[in-house]
Structure formats: structure tokens, C-alpha cells
Amino acid sequence: MTDILDRLETMIAARKAAGPDASSYVSKQLGKGRLKLAEKLGEEAVETVIAAVAQDDAALTGEAADLLFHLLLVLGERGISLAAVRAELERREGVSGIVEKARRNA
């Protein structure tokens, strides 16, 4: 059984492989290129932060969904799988965030 993030990842990969399709939001976004995808991800991140501090739970939930979706688009464009992200999170599990950050900065 797959969850919604897995299904979205699969759909994004399929739309990427299919090429341009004016009727597909995903295809349109992918067609804009890496820079525009990253800009949109940043925009969604800012909107999520604003919702976290100044809006209600429903607004935050909606913005978090947008953020995750646009992150999946960026990952998909780069060919990075959710499995790779999950593996990285598992690698970090049980390691203090302070220790992990120190390792990256070393």
C-alpha cells in the first residue's frame, strides 16, 4: 500500500516522462525549469512560515500540503526519490540535531 506522497511522486515522474502537457499543472511547473521550481518552493516555504505564526491550523495545513507538493516537484525534477530522503532521515534518526549539524560543518 502506498501513501499519498508515494502516489504523488509516481504521478510527477509520469508527467515528467510524458513531456509537455498544457492541461497538466505538474507538466507546466516542470516545464518552467529548475530555477522557477526552486523559487516556487521558496514561496511556499514562506507562506507556510507565515501560516505557522499568524494563521489558523487549517491555513497551516493547506500551506504545508502546498510546500510538500512543491518539494516533491523539485525532488522529481532532480531525480531524487522519496526513498532517498527517507533513507537520509533514517540515517539521522537517534542522532542529536546538534551532533548532526556539527558533522555537516566539519
Protein backbone atom coordinates (compact mmCIF):
# COMPACT_ATOMS: atom_id res chain seq x y z
CA MET A 1 0.00 0.00 0.00
CA THR A 2 1.32 3.42 -0.89
CA ASP A 3 0.66 6.70 0.82
CA ILE A 4 -0.26 9.97 -0.85
CA LEU A 5 3.35 11.16 -1.05
CA ASP A 6 4.34 7.98 -2.89
CA ARG A 7 1.40 8.36 -5.28
CA LEU A 8 2.28 12.00 -5.94
CA GLU A 9 5.91 11.05 -6.55
CA THR A 10 4.79 8.44 -9.09
CA MET A 11 2.44 10.89 -10.81
CA ILE A 12 5.16 13.57 -11.02
CA ALA A 13 7.59 11.07 -12.56
CA ALA A 14 4.96 10.00 -15.10
CA ARG A 15 4.17 13.59 -16.08
CA LYS A 16 7.89 14.35 -16.36
CA ALA A 17 8.39 11.33 -18.63
CA ALA A 18 5.34 12.21 -20.76
CA GLY A 19 6.67 15.65 -21.62
CA PRO A 20 4.82 18.92 -22.06
CA ASP A 21 1.06 18.90 -21.49
CA ALA A 22 -0.72 22.24 -21.28
CA SER A 23 -3.59 20.66 -19.33
CA SER A 24 -1.32 19.46 -16.50
CA TYR A 25 -0.24 21.76 -13.67
CA VAL A 26 2.67 19.42 -12.89
CA SER A 27 3.83 19.43 -16.50
CA LYS A 28 3.59 23.22 -16.67
CA GLN A 29 5.60 23.60 -13.48
CA LEU A 30 8.27 21.12 -14.61
CA GLY A 31 8.47 22.92 -17.95
CA LYS A 32 9.48 26.15 -16.20
CA GLY A 33 12.79 24.64 -15.20
CA ARG A 34 14.78 24.14 -12.03
CA LEU A 35 15.14 27.80 -11.05
CA LYS A 36 11.41 28.51 -11.22
CA LEU A 37 10.64 25.29 -9.37
CA ALA A 38 13.03 26.33 -6.61
CA GLU A 39 11.55 29.84 -6.48
CA LYS A 40 8.05 28.37 -6.13
CA LEU A 41 9.27 26.05 -3.36
CA GLY A 42 10.71 29.08 -1.55
CA GLU A 43 7.44 30.97 -1.97
CA GLU A 44 5.52 28.05 -0.49
CA ALA A 45 8.01 27.80 2.39
CA VAL A 46 7.49 31.47 3.23
CA GLU A 47 3.71 31.06 3.07
CA THR A 48 3.99 28.08 5.41
CA VAL A 49 6.05 30.08 7.90
CA ILE A 50 3.53 32.92 7.82
CA ALA A 51 0.67 30.49 8.38
CA ALA A 52 2.57 28.90 11.27
CA VAL A 53 2.83 32.19 13.15
CA ALA A 54 -0.15 34.23 12.02
CA GLN A 55 -2.94 31.98 10.77
CA ASP A 56 -5.14 29.15 11.95
CA ASP A 57 -4.49 25.42 11.81
CA ALA A 58 -6.46 24.97 8.58
CA ALA A 59 -4.31 27.59 6.82
CA LEU A 60 -1.13 25.98 8.10
CA THR A 61 -2.32 22.56 6.98
CA GLY A 62 -3.06 23.87 3.49
CA GLU A 63 0.26 25.63 3.20
CA ALA A 64 2.12 22.57 4.49
CA ALA A 65 0.42 20.49 1.77
CA ASP A 66 1.48 23.04 -0.86
CA LEU A 67 5.03 23.01 0.49
CA LEU A 68 5.28 19.21 0.40
CA PHE A 69 3.83 19.10 -3.11
CA HIS A 70 6.32 21.65 -4.44
CA LEU A 71 9.16 19.88 -2.65
CA LEU A 72 8.13 16.71 -4.48
CA LEU A 73 8.26 18.64 -7.76
CA VAL A 74 11.81 19.84 -7.04
CA LEU A 75 12.93 16.38 -5.97
CA GLY A 76 11.28 14.82 -9.03
CA GLU A 77 12.90 17.28 -11.40
CA ARG A 78 16.27 16.37 -9.91
CA GLY A 79 15.54 12.64 -9.96
CA ILE A 80 15.80 12.33 -6.18
CA SER A 81 13.40 9.78 -4.74
CA LEU A 82 11.40 9.89 -1.56
CA ALA A 83 13.18 6.66 -0.69
CA ALA A 84 16.48 8.55 -0.70
CA VAL A 85 15.03 11.25 1.56
CA ARG A 86 13.55 8.62 3.87
CA ALA A 87 16.92 6.83 3.99
CA GLU A 88 18.65 10.07 4.96
CA LEU A 89 16.11 10.67 7.73
CA GLU A 90 16.62 7.12 8.96
CA ARG A 91 20.39 7.62 8.91
CA ARG A 92 19.92 10.66 11.14
CA GLU A 93 17.42 9.02 13.50
CA GLY A 94 18.72 8.85 17.03
CA VAL A 95 21.50 11.35 16.34
CA SER A 96 21.26 14.67 18.13
CA GLY A 97 20.49 17.54 15.81
CA ILE A 98 23.43 19.37 17.35
CA VAL A 99 25.76 16.48 16.57
CA GLU A 100 24.39 16.08 13.04
CA LYS A 101 24.86 19.77 12.28
CA ALA A 102 28.42 19.69 13.66
CA ARG A 103 29.19 16.72 11.38
CA ARG A 104 27.97 18.61 8.32
CA ASN A 105 30.01 21.68 9.24
CA ALA A 106 33.21 19.71 9.90
